[in-house]
Amino acid sequence: MARRAVRVVPALHLVEFATQHVRQPGYDFGGQFEFGLDLILDALAAHHGGTRP
């Protein structure tokens, strides 16, 4: 039973994020997604010793 509760907690954080940030006027999902994607891709490139185009 405790194992199932652990899986629910991240979902609650996602709901909180969506209601407090994404639904606010002026929030640009596309801009936030692009920033996060660039951050991840830069970290992967650095880890593998390469550079991104």
N, C-alpha and C. Protein backbone atom coordinates (compact mmCIF):
# COMPACT_ATOMS: atom_id res chain seq x y z
N MET A 1 0.82 -1.19 0.00
CA MET A 1 0.00 0.00 0.00
C MET A 1 0.87 1.26 0.00
N ALA A 2 1.94 1.27 0.78
CA ALA A 2 2.82 2.43 0.82
C ALA A 2 3.47 2.68 -0.53
N ARG A 3 3.71 1.62 -1.26
CA ARG A 3 4.33 1.74 -2.58
C ARG A 3 3.44 2.54 -3.53
N ARG A 4 2.17 2.33 -3.46
CA ARG A 4 1.23 3.08 -4.31
C ARG A 4 1.22 4.56 -3.94
N ALA A 5 1.31 4.89 -2.67
CA ALA A 5 1.30 6.28 -2.22
C ALA A 5 2.49 7.04 -2.79
N VAL A 6 3.61 6.39 -2.94
CA VAL A 6 4.80 7.04 -3.49
C VAL A 6 4.55 7.46 -4.94
N ARG A 7 3.82 6.67 -5.68
CA ARG A 7 3.53 6.99 -7.07
C ARG A 7 2.55 8.15 -7.21
N VAL A 8 1.70 8.36 -6.23
CA VAL A 8 0.69 9.40 -6.29
C VAL A 8 1.30 10.77 -6.03
N VAL A 9 2.30 10.85 -5.18
CA VAL A 9 2.88 12.14 -4.79
C VAL A 9 3.37 12.96 -5.98
N PRO A 10 4.14 12.39 -6.94
CA PRO A 10 4.56 13.20 -8.08
C PRO A 10 3.38 13.76 -8.87
N ALA A 11 2.31 12.99 -8.99
CA ALA A 11 1.14 13.47 -9.71
C ALA A 11 0.53 14.68 -9.01
N LEU A 12 0.54 14.69 -7.70
CA LEU A 12 0.02 15.83 -6.96
C LEU A 12 0.86 17.08 -7.22
N HIS A 13 2.17 16.91 -7.33
CA HIS A 13 3.03 18.05 -7.63
C HIS A 13 2.74 18.59 -9.04
N LEU A 14 2.45 17.70 -9.97
CA LEU A 14 2.11 18.12 -11.33
C LEU A 14 0.81 18.91 -11.34
N VAL A 15 -0.16 18.46 -10.59
CA VAL A 15 -1.44 19.17 -10.50
C VAL A 15 -1.21 20.55 -9.89
N GLU A 16 -0.41 20.63 -8.84
CA GLU A 16 -0.12 21.91 -8.21
C GLU A 16 0.59 22.85 -9.18
N PHE A 17 1.56 22.33 -9.93
CA PHE A 17 2.27 23.14 -10.91
C PHE A 17 1.30 23.67 -11.96
N ALA A 18 0.45 22.80 -12.46
CA ALA A 18 -0.48 23.21 -13.51
C ALA A 18 -1.44 24.28 -13.03
N THR A 19 -1.94 24.14 -11.83
CA THR A 19 -2.93 25.11 -11.35
C THR A 19 -2.29 26.43 -10.93
N GLN A 20 -1.06 26.41 -10.46
CA GLN A 20 -0.44 27.64 -9.99
C GLN A 20 0.38 28.37 -11.04
N HIS A 21 0.84 27.68 -12.06
CA HIS A 21 1.73 28.32 -13.03
C HIS A 21 1.17 28.32 -14.45
N VAL A 22 0.85 27.16 -14.96
CA VAL A 22 0.45 27.03 -16.36
C VAL A 22 -0.83 27.78 -16.66
N ARG A 23 -1.76 27.80 -15.75
CA ARG A 23 -3.05 28.43 -16.00
C ARG A 23 -3.03 29.93 -15.77
N GLN A 24 -1.91 30.48 -15.36
CA GLN A 24 -1.82 31.91 -15.12
C GLN A 24 -1.76 32.68 -16.44
N PRO A 25 -2.35 33.86 -16.50
CA PRO A 25 -2.26 34.67 -17.72
C PRO A 25 -0.80 35.00 -18.04
N GLY A 26 -0.45 34.92 -19.29
CA GLY A 26 0.89 35.27 -19.72
C GLY A 26 1.88 34.13 -19.70
N TYR A 27 1.50 32.97 -19.20
CA TYR A 27 2.42 31.84 -19.18
C TYR A 27 2.60 31.32 -20.59
N ASP A 28 3.84 31.16 -21.02
CA ASP A 28 4.15 30.71 -22.38
C ASP A 28 4.72 29.31 -22.32
N PHE A 29 3.86 28.31 -22.51
CA PHE A 29 4.31 26.92 -22.42
C PHE A 29 5.41 26.64 -23.43
N GLY A 30 5.26 27.13 -24.66
CA GLY A 30 6.27 26.90 -25.69
C GLY A 30 7.62 27.44 -25.30
N GLY A 31 7.66 28.63 -24.74
CA GLY A 31 8.93 29.23 -24.31
C GLY A 31 9.57 28.44 -23.17
N GLN A 32 8.76 27.99 -22.24
CA GLN A 32 9.27 27.22 -21.11
C GLN A 32 9.77 25.85 -21.59
N PHE A 33 9.06 25.25 -22.51
CA PHE A 33 9.46 23.94 -23.03
C PHE A 33 10.79 24.06 -23.76
N GLU A 34 10.92 25.09 -24.61
CA GLU A 34 12.15 25.27 -25.37
C GLU A 34 13.35 25.49 -24.43
N PHE A 35 13.16 26.29 -23.38
CA PHE A 35 14.23 26.53 -22.42
C PHE A 35 14.66 25.22 -21.76
N GLY A 36 13.69 24.43 -21.31
CA GLY A 36 13.99 23.17 -20.65
C GLY A 36 14.66 22.17 -21.58
N LEU A 37 14.18 22.12 -22.82
CA LEU A 37 14.77 21.21 -23.80
C LEU A 37 16.22 21.61 -24.10
N ASP A 38 16.47 22.90 -24.28
CA ASP A 38 17.84 23.37 -24.51
C ASP A 38 18.75 23.01 -23.34
N LEU A 39 18.25 23.18 -22.14
CA LEU A 39 19.03 22.86 -20.95
C LEU A 39 19.42 21.38 -20.93
N ILE A 40 18.47 20.52 -21.20
CA ILE A 40 18.73 19.08 -21.21
C ILE A 40 19.68 18.69 -22.33
N LEU A 41 19.45 19.21 -23.54
CA LEU A 41 20.31 18.87 -24.66
C LEU A 41 21.74 19.38 -24.47
N ASP A 42 21.90 20.57 -23.91
CA ASP A 42 23.24 21.09 -23.62
C ASP A 42 23.96 20.21 -22.61
N ALA A 43 23.25 19.76 -21.58
CA ALA A 43 23.86 18.90 -20.57
C ALA A 43 24.26 17.56 -21.17
N LEU A 44 23.42 17.01 -22.03
CA LEU A 44 23.76 15.73 -22.67
C LEU A 44 24.97 15.89 -23.59
N ALA A 45 25.02 16.98 -24.34
CA ALA A 45 26.16 17.22 -25.22
C ALA A 45 27.44 17.37 -24.41
N ALA A 46 27.38 18.10 -23.32
CA ALA A 46 28.56 18.27 -22.47
C ALA A 46 29.00 16.95 -21.87
N HIS A 47 28.06 16.13 -21.48
CA HIS A 47 28.37 14.83 -20.88
C HIS A 47 29.05 13.91 -21.89
N HIS A 48 28.65 14.02 -23.14
CA HIS A 48 29.20 13.15 -24.17
C HIS A 48 30.37 13.80 -24.91
N GLY A 49 30.79 14.97 -24.47
CA GLY A 49 31.97 15.62 -25.05
C GLY A 49 31.73 16.27 -26.39
N GLY A 50 30.50 16.44 -26.77
CA GLY A 50 30.20 17.06 -28.06
C GLY A 50 29.60 18.43 -27.88
N THR A 51 29.28 19.04 -28.99
CA THR A 51 28.60 20.32 -28.95
C THR A 51 27.33 20.22 -29.77
N ARG A 52 26.38 21.03 -29.44
CA ARG A 52 25.14 21.06 -30.20
C ARG A 52 25.28 22.03 -31.35
N PRO A 53 24.62 21.75 -32.47
CA PRO A 53 24.65 22.69 -33.60
C PRO A 53 23.89 23.97 -33.29
